[in-house]
Amino acid sequence: MEISNEKANIKNQINIQNNYAPINLGDGEKEEKAKNTTIDKVTLKEMIGDNELKEVLDILVETFPKKNEFLLQKGRLKSITKDNRIGVISSSDFRVEQARIVYAVLDMIDEL
């Protein structure tokens, strides 16, 4: 259960780099601090490098519930994973789509 512990640690201590950087919600609402936390971007990127994309998306969705981009990427990952599992898409197509999702998530993490 090392992954679960790491995920819990990130959620509990999430305050290393950007010390409460405000998040622009983009829909006219006031800027707010995402649940009074910041995200250790390096750790999230390392988790992605360790093939823990689903866990990273779970953390981001829980931490930034108003960031629709994270929800969209989480949905895309779930969809392609299911399609790959039932054989609707090939393994190579799955890897290409997964790489696109990874790139998008890394880009969004940099924008936080």
Protein backbone atom coordinates (compact mmCIF):
# COMPACT_ATOMS: atom_id res chain seq x y z
CA MET A 1 0.00 0.00 0.00
CA GLU A 2 2.95 2.33 -0.59
CA ILE A 3 1.03 4.25 -3.26
CA SER A 4 -1.86 4.91 -0.88
CA ASN A 5 0.51 6.18 1.79
CA GLU A 6 2.29 8.44 -0.70
CA LYS A 7 -1.05 9.77 -1.93
CA ALA A 8 -2.18 10.43 1.64
CA ASN A 9 1.09 12.17 2.45
CA ILE A 10 0.74 14.43 -0.57
CA LYS A 11 -2.82 15.31 0.38
CA ASN A 12 -1.84 16.05 3.97
CA GLN A 13 1.33 18.02 3.41
CA ILE A 14 0.65 19.51 0.00
CA ASN A 15 2.51 22.74 0.71
CA ILE A 16 6.04 22.73 -0.56
CA GLN A 17 6.50 24.93 -3.60
CA ASN A 18 4.08 27.71 -4.34
CA ASN A 19 2.89 28.59 -0.83
CA TYR A 20 -0.80 29.08 -1.39
CA ALA A 21 -0.76 30.31 -4.97
CA PRO A 22 -4.22 31.61 -5.88
CA ILE A 23 -6.11 29.71 -8.55
CA ASN A 24 -8.05 31.67 -11.17
CA LEU A 25 -11.35 29.86 -11.54
CA GLY A 26 -11.93 31.46 -14.92
CA ASP A 27 -15.69 31.92 -14.61
CA GLY A 28 -15.87 35.33 -12.99
CA GLU A 29 -15.60 34.04 -9.44
CA LYS A 30 -13.08 35.49 -7.04
CA GLU A 31 -9.71 33.83 -6.89
CA GLU A 32 -9.56 31.30 -4.13
CA LYS A 33 -6.95 29.13 -2.58
CA ALA A 34 -7.55 25.54 -3.56
CA LYS A 35 -8.64 24.10 -0.22
CA ASN A 36 -5.90 26.20 1.41
CA THR A 37 -3.21 24.03 -0.09
CA THR A 38 -0.49 24.18 -2.64
CA ILE A 39 0.81 21.33 -4.67
CA ASP A 40 4.27 19.92 -4.74
CA LYS A 41 4.58 19.89 -8.51
CA VAL A 42 7.79 17.88 -8.46
CA THR A 43 6.18 15.03 -6.51
CA LEU A 44 3.17 14.97 -8.83
CA LYS A 45 5.45 14.81 -11.86
CA GLU A 46 7.48 12.03 -10.26
CA MET A 47 4.27 10.09 -9.65
CA ILE A 48 3.36 10.49 -13.32
CA GLY A 49 6.83 9.22 -14.19
CA ASP A 50 6.13 6.21 -11.99
CA ASN A 51 2.99 5.47 -14.05
CA GLU A 52 0.62 6.71 -11.33
CA LEU A 53 -1.41 8.98 -13.61
CA LYS A 54 -4.76 7.92 -12.18
CA GLU A 55 -3.62 8.70 -8.64
CA VAL A 56 -2.29 12.11 -9.70
CA LEU A 57 -5.58 12.94 -11.40
CA ASP A 58 -7.47 11.84 -8.27
CA ILE A 59 -5.35 14.19 -6.15
CA LEU A 60 -5.79 17.08 -8.58
CA VAL A 61 -9.55 16.61 -8.91
CA GLU A 62 -9.94 16.50 -5.12
CA THR A 63 -7.64 19.46 -4.58
CA PHE A 64 -9.01 21.64 -7.38
CA PRO A 65 -12.67 20.63 -7.77
CA LYS A 66 -13.44 23.58 -10.04
CA LYS A 67 -10.73 22.79 -12.58
CA ASN A 68 -12.75 21.13 -15.33
CA GLU A 69 -9.59 20.30 -17.26
CA PHE A 70 -8.56 17.76 -14.63
CA LEU A 71 -12.00 16.15 -14.73
CA LEU A 72 -11.86 15.95 -18.52
CA GLN A 73 -8.47 14.26 -18.49
CA LYS A 74 -9.59 11.84 -15.78
CA GLY A 75 -12.60 10.93 -17.91
CA ARG A 76 -10.44 10.48 -21.00
CA LEU A 77 -8.10 8.16 -19.11
CA LYS A 78 -10.97 6.09 -17.75
CA SER A 79 -12.52 5.82 -21.21
CA ILE A 80 -9.38 4.74 -23.05
CA THR A 81 -8.50 2.30 -20.26
CA LYS A 82 -11.89 0.65 -20.62
CA ASP A 83 -11.66 0.65 -24.43
CA ASN A 84 -8.24 -1.00 -24.24
CA ARG A 85 -9.42 -3.56 -21.71
CA ILE A 86 -12.37 -4.66 -23.85
CA GLY A 87 -10.31 -4.60 -27.04
CA VAL A 88 -11.99 -1.69 -28.82
CA ILE A 89 -8.66 0.08 -29.34
CA SER A 90 -5.25 -1.41 -29.89
CA SER A 91 -2.50 -1.26 -27.31
CA SER A 92 -0.52 1.14 -29.47
CA ASP A 93 -3.51 3.49 -29.82
CA PHE A 94 -3.97 3.28 -26.05
CA ARG A 95 -0.35 4.27 -25.45
CA VAL A 96 -0.62 7.21 -27.86
CA GLU A 97 -3.76 8.52 -26.16
CA GLN A 98 -2.27 7.94 -22.72
CA ALA A 99 0.82 9.93 -23.73
CA ARG A 100 -1.42 12.79 -24.89
CA ILE A 101 -3.19 12.78 -21.54
CA VAL A 102 0.14 12.72 -19.67
CA TYR A 103 1.40 15.67 -21.69
CA ALA A 104 -1.82 17.63 -21.04
CA VAL A 105 -1.69 16.91 -17.29
CA LEU A 106 1.98 17.88 -17.04
CA ASP A 107 1.18 21.12 -18.84
CA MET A 108 -1.72 21.83 -16.46
CA ILE A 109 0.47 21.09 -13.44
CA ASP A 110 2.99 23.66 -14.71
CA GLU A 111 0.17 26.22 -14.96
CA LEU A 112 -0.85 25.82 -11.32
